[in-house]
PDB file of N, CA and C in Angstrom:
ATOM      1  N   MET A   1       0.850  -1.163   0.000  1.00  0.00           N
ATOM      2  CA  MET A   1       0.000   0.000   0.000  1.00  0.00           C
ATOM      3  C   MET A   1       0.900   1.231   0.000  1.00  0.00           C
ATOM      4  N   ARG A   2       0.545   2.211  -0.792  1.00  0.00           N
ATOM      5  CA  ARG A   2       1.322   3.449  -0.857  1.00  0.00           C
ATOM      6  C   ARG A   2       0.456   4.624  -0.422  1.00  0.00           C
ATOM      7  N   PHE A   3       1.089   5.559   0.222  1.00  0.00           N
ATOM      8  CA  PHE A   3       0.414   6.780   0.641  1.00  0.00           C
ATOM      9  C   PHE A   3       1.124   7.967   0.020  1.00  0.00           C
ATOM     10  N   ALA A   4       0.379   8.950  -0.351  1.00  0.00           N
ATOM     11  CA  ALA A   4       0.938  10.223  -0.801  1.00  0.00           C
ATOM     12  C   ALA A   4       0.260  11.313   0.006  1.00  0.00           C
ATOM     13  N   ALA A   5       1.049  12.226   0.498  1.00  0.00           N
ATOM     14  CA  ALA A   5       0.495  13.331   1.280  1.00  0.00           C
ATOM     15  C   ALA A   5       1.009  14.643   0.714  1.00  0.00           C
ATOM     16  N   VAL A   6       0.112  15.555   0.486  1.00  0.00           N
ATOM     17  CA  VAL A   6       0.469  16.896   0.052  1.00  0.00           C
ATOM     18  C   VAL A   6       0.164  17.818   1.219  1.00  0.00           C
ATOM     19  N   LEU A   7       1.201  18.399   1.783  1.00  0.00           N
ATOM     20  CA  LEU A   7       1.047  19.259   2.951  1.00  0.00           C
ATOM     21  C   LEU A   7       1.233  20.709   2.518  1.00  0.00           C
ATOM     22  N   ASN A   8       0.164  21.467   2.522  1.00  0.00           N
ATOM     23  CA  ASN A   8       0.198  22.868   2.128  1.00  0.00           C
ATOM     24  C   ASN A   8       0.437  23.716   3.373  1.00  0.00           C
ATOM     25  N   GLN A   9       1.680  24.098   3.571  1.00  0.00           N
ATOM     26  CA  GLN A   9       2.062  24.840   4.774  1.00  0.00           C
ATOM     27  C   GLN A   9       1.444  26.234   4.811  1.00  0.00           C
ATOM     28  N   ASP A  10       1.062  26.767   3.668  1.00  0.00           N
ATOM     29  CA  ASP A  10       0.539  28.133   3.610  1.00  0.00           C
ATOM     30  C   ASP A  10      -0.959  28.223   3.866  1.00  0.00           C
ATOM     31  N   GLY A  11      -1.627  27.106   4.030  1.00  0.00           N
ATOM     32  CA  GLY A  11      -3.075  27.168   4.196  1.00  0.00           C
ATOM     33  C   GLY A  11      -3.564  26.365   5.380  1.00  0.00           C
ATOM     34  N   GLY A  12      -4.702  26.741   5.883  1.00  0.00           N
ATOM     35  CA  GLY A  12      -5.350  25.989   6.955  1.00  0.00           C
ATOM     36  C   GLY A  12      -4.561  25.972   8.248  1.00  0.00           C
ATOM     37  N   THR A  13      -4.744  24.910   9.010  1.00  0.00           N
ATOM     38  CA  THR A  13      -4.106  24.813  10.325  1.00  0.00           C
ATOM     39  C   THR A  13      -2.619  24.516  10.235  1.00  0.00           C
ATOM     40  N   LEU A  14      -2.127  24.117   9.065  1.00  0.00           N
ATOM     41  CA  LEU A  14      -0.700  23.826   8.935  1.00  0.00           C
ATOM     42  C   LEU A  14       0.167  25.081   9.009  1.00  0.00           C
ATOM     43  N   ARG A  15      -0.438  26.254   8.945  1.00  0.00           N
ATOM     44  CA  ARG A  15       0.344  27.491   9.053  1.00  0.00           C
ATOM     45  C   ARG A  15       1.037  27.604  10.396  1.00  0.00           C
ATOM     46  N   THR A  16       0.450  27.019  11.434  1.00  0.00           N
ATOM     47  CA  THR A  16       1.010  27.155  12.777  1.00  0.00           C
ATOM     48  C   THR A  16       1.727  25.892  13.243  1.00  0.00           C
ATOM     49  N   VAL A  17       1.926  24.931  12.350  1.00  0.00           N
ATOM     50  CA  VAL A  17       2.523  23.647  12.711  1.00  0.00           C
ATOM     51  C   VAL A  17       3.961  23.598  12.197  1.00  0.00           C
ATOM     52  N   ASP A  18       4.842  22.990  12.976  1.00  0.00           N
ATOM     53  CA  ASP A  18       6.198  22.697  12.497  1.00  0.00           C
ATOM     54  C   ASP A  18       6.061  21.593  11.449  1.00  0.00           C
ATOM     55  N   ILE A  19       6.119  21.977  10.186  1.00  0.00           N
ATOM     56  CA  ILE A  19       5.804  21.056   9.092  1.00  0.00           C
ATOM     57  C   ILE A  19       6.766  19.873   9.036  1.00  0.00           C
ATOM     58  N   PHE A  20       8.028  20.093   9.369  1.00  0.00           N
ATOM     59  CA  PHE A  20       9.002  19.006   9.321  1.00  0.00           C
ATOM     60  C   PHE A  20       8.754  18.003  10.444  1.00  0.00           C
ATOM     61  N   ALA A  21       8.430  18.479  11.620  1.00  0.00           N
ATOM     62  CA  ALA A  21       8.109  17.590  12.739  1.00  0.00           C
ATOM     63  C   ALA A  21       6.814  16.831  12.454  1.00  0.00           C
ATOM     64  N   PHE A  22       5.843  17.510  11.857  1.00  0.00           N
ATOM     65  CA  PHE A  22       4.571  16.871  11.519  1.00  0.00           C
ATOM     66  C   PHE A  22       4.787  15.754  10.496  1.00  0.00           C
ATOM     67  N   ALA A  23       5.574  16.022   9.464  1.00  0.00           N
ATOM     68  CA  ALA A  23       5.844  15.018   8.432  1.00  0.00           C
ATOM     69  C   ALA A  23       6.594  13.828   9.020  1.00  0.00           C
ATOM     70  N   ASP A  24       7.534  14.092   9.933  1.00  0.00           N
ATOM     71  CA  ASP A  24       8.277  13.010  10.570  1.00  0.00           C
ATOM     72  C   ASP A  24       7.355  12.149  11.426  1.00  0.00           C
ATOM     73  N   ARG A  25       6.473  12.787  12.173  1.00  0.00           N
ATOM     74  CA  ARG A  25       5.518  12.049  13.019  1.00  0.00           C
ATOM     75  C   ARG A  25       4.556  11.228  12.158  1.00  0.00           C
ATOM     76  N   LEU A  26       4.132  11.781  11.045  1.00  0.00           N
ATOM     77  CA  LEU A  26       3.264  11.056  10.116  1.00  0.00           C
ATOM     78  C   LEU A  26       3.971   9.811   9.592  1.00  0.00           C
ATOM     79  N   ARG A  27       5.231   9.957   9.200  1.00  0.00           N
ATOM     80  CA  ARG A  27       6.019   8.823   8.720  1.00  0.00           C
ATOM     81  C   ARG A  27       6.158   7.762   9.806  1.00  0.00           C
ATOM     82  N   GLN A  28       6.472   8.179  11.030  1.00  0.00           N
ATOM     83  CA  GLN A  28       6.624   7.235  12.140  1.00  0.00           C
ATOM     84  C   GLN A  28       5.319   6.488  12.418  1.00  0.00           C
ATOM     85  N   THR A  29       4.221   7.196  12.372  1.00  0.00           N
ATOM     86  CA  THR A  29       2.917   6.580  12.633  1.00  0.00           C
ATOM     87  C   THR A  29       2.589   5.526  11.580  1.00  0.00           C
ATOM     88  N   LEU A  30       2.829   5.842  10.317  1.00  0.00           N
ATOM     89  CA  LEU A  30       2.549   4.885   9.247  1.00  0.00           C
ATOM     90  C   LEU A  30       3.472   3.676   9.330  1.00  0.00           C
ATOM     91  N   GLU A  31       4.758   3.902   9.638  1.00  0.00           N
ATOM     92  CA  GLU A  31       5.691   2.784   9.767  1.00  0.00           C
ATOM     93  C   GLU A  31       5.313   1.885  10.943  1.00  0.00           C
ATOM     94  N   ALA A  32       4.888   2.478  12.053  1.00  0.00           N
ATOM     95  CA  ALA A  32       4.488   1.696  13.227  1.00  0.00           C
ATOM     96  C   ALA A  32       3.256   0.838  12.928  1.00  0.00           C
ATOM     97  N   ALA A  33       2.442   1.288  11.978  1.00  0.00           N
ATOM     98  CA  ALA A  33       1.247   0.538  11.592  1.00  0.00           C
ATOM     99  C   ALA A  33       1.553  -0.509  10.522  1.00  0.00           C
ATOM    100  N   GLY A  34       2.844  -0.643  10.169  1.00  0.00           N
ATOM    101  CA  GLY A  34       3.237  -1.670   9.210  1.00  0.00           C
ATOM    102  C   GLY A  34       3.380  -1.195   7.783  1.00  0.00           C
ATOM    103  N   HIS A  35       3.304   0.093   7.559  1.00  0.00           N
ATOM    104  CA  HIS A  35       3.467   0.647   6.214  1.00  0.00           C
ATOM    105  C   HIS A  35       4.896   1.160   6.084  1.00  0.00           C
ATOM    106  N   SER A  36       5.509   0.905   4.934  1.00  0.00           N
ATOM    107  CA  SER A  36       6.882   1.384   4.750  1.00  0.00           C
ATOM    108  C   SER A  36       6.995   2.231   3.508  1.00  0.00           C
TER     109      SER A  36
END
């Protein structure tokens, strides 16, 4: 299974989020669930 995520840092709630930390946490969560 493959996932693609488009993170628009300039819009919505992502404006106030550390985008690099968020992307890293997303990757860790997917890997922990068995996705690589």
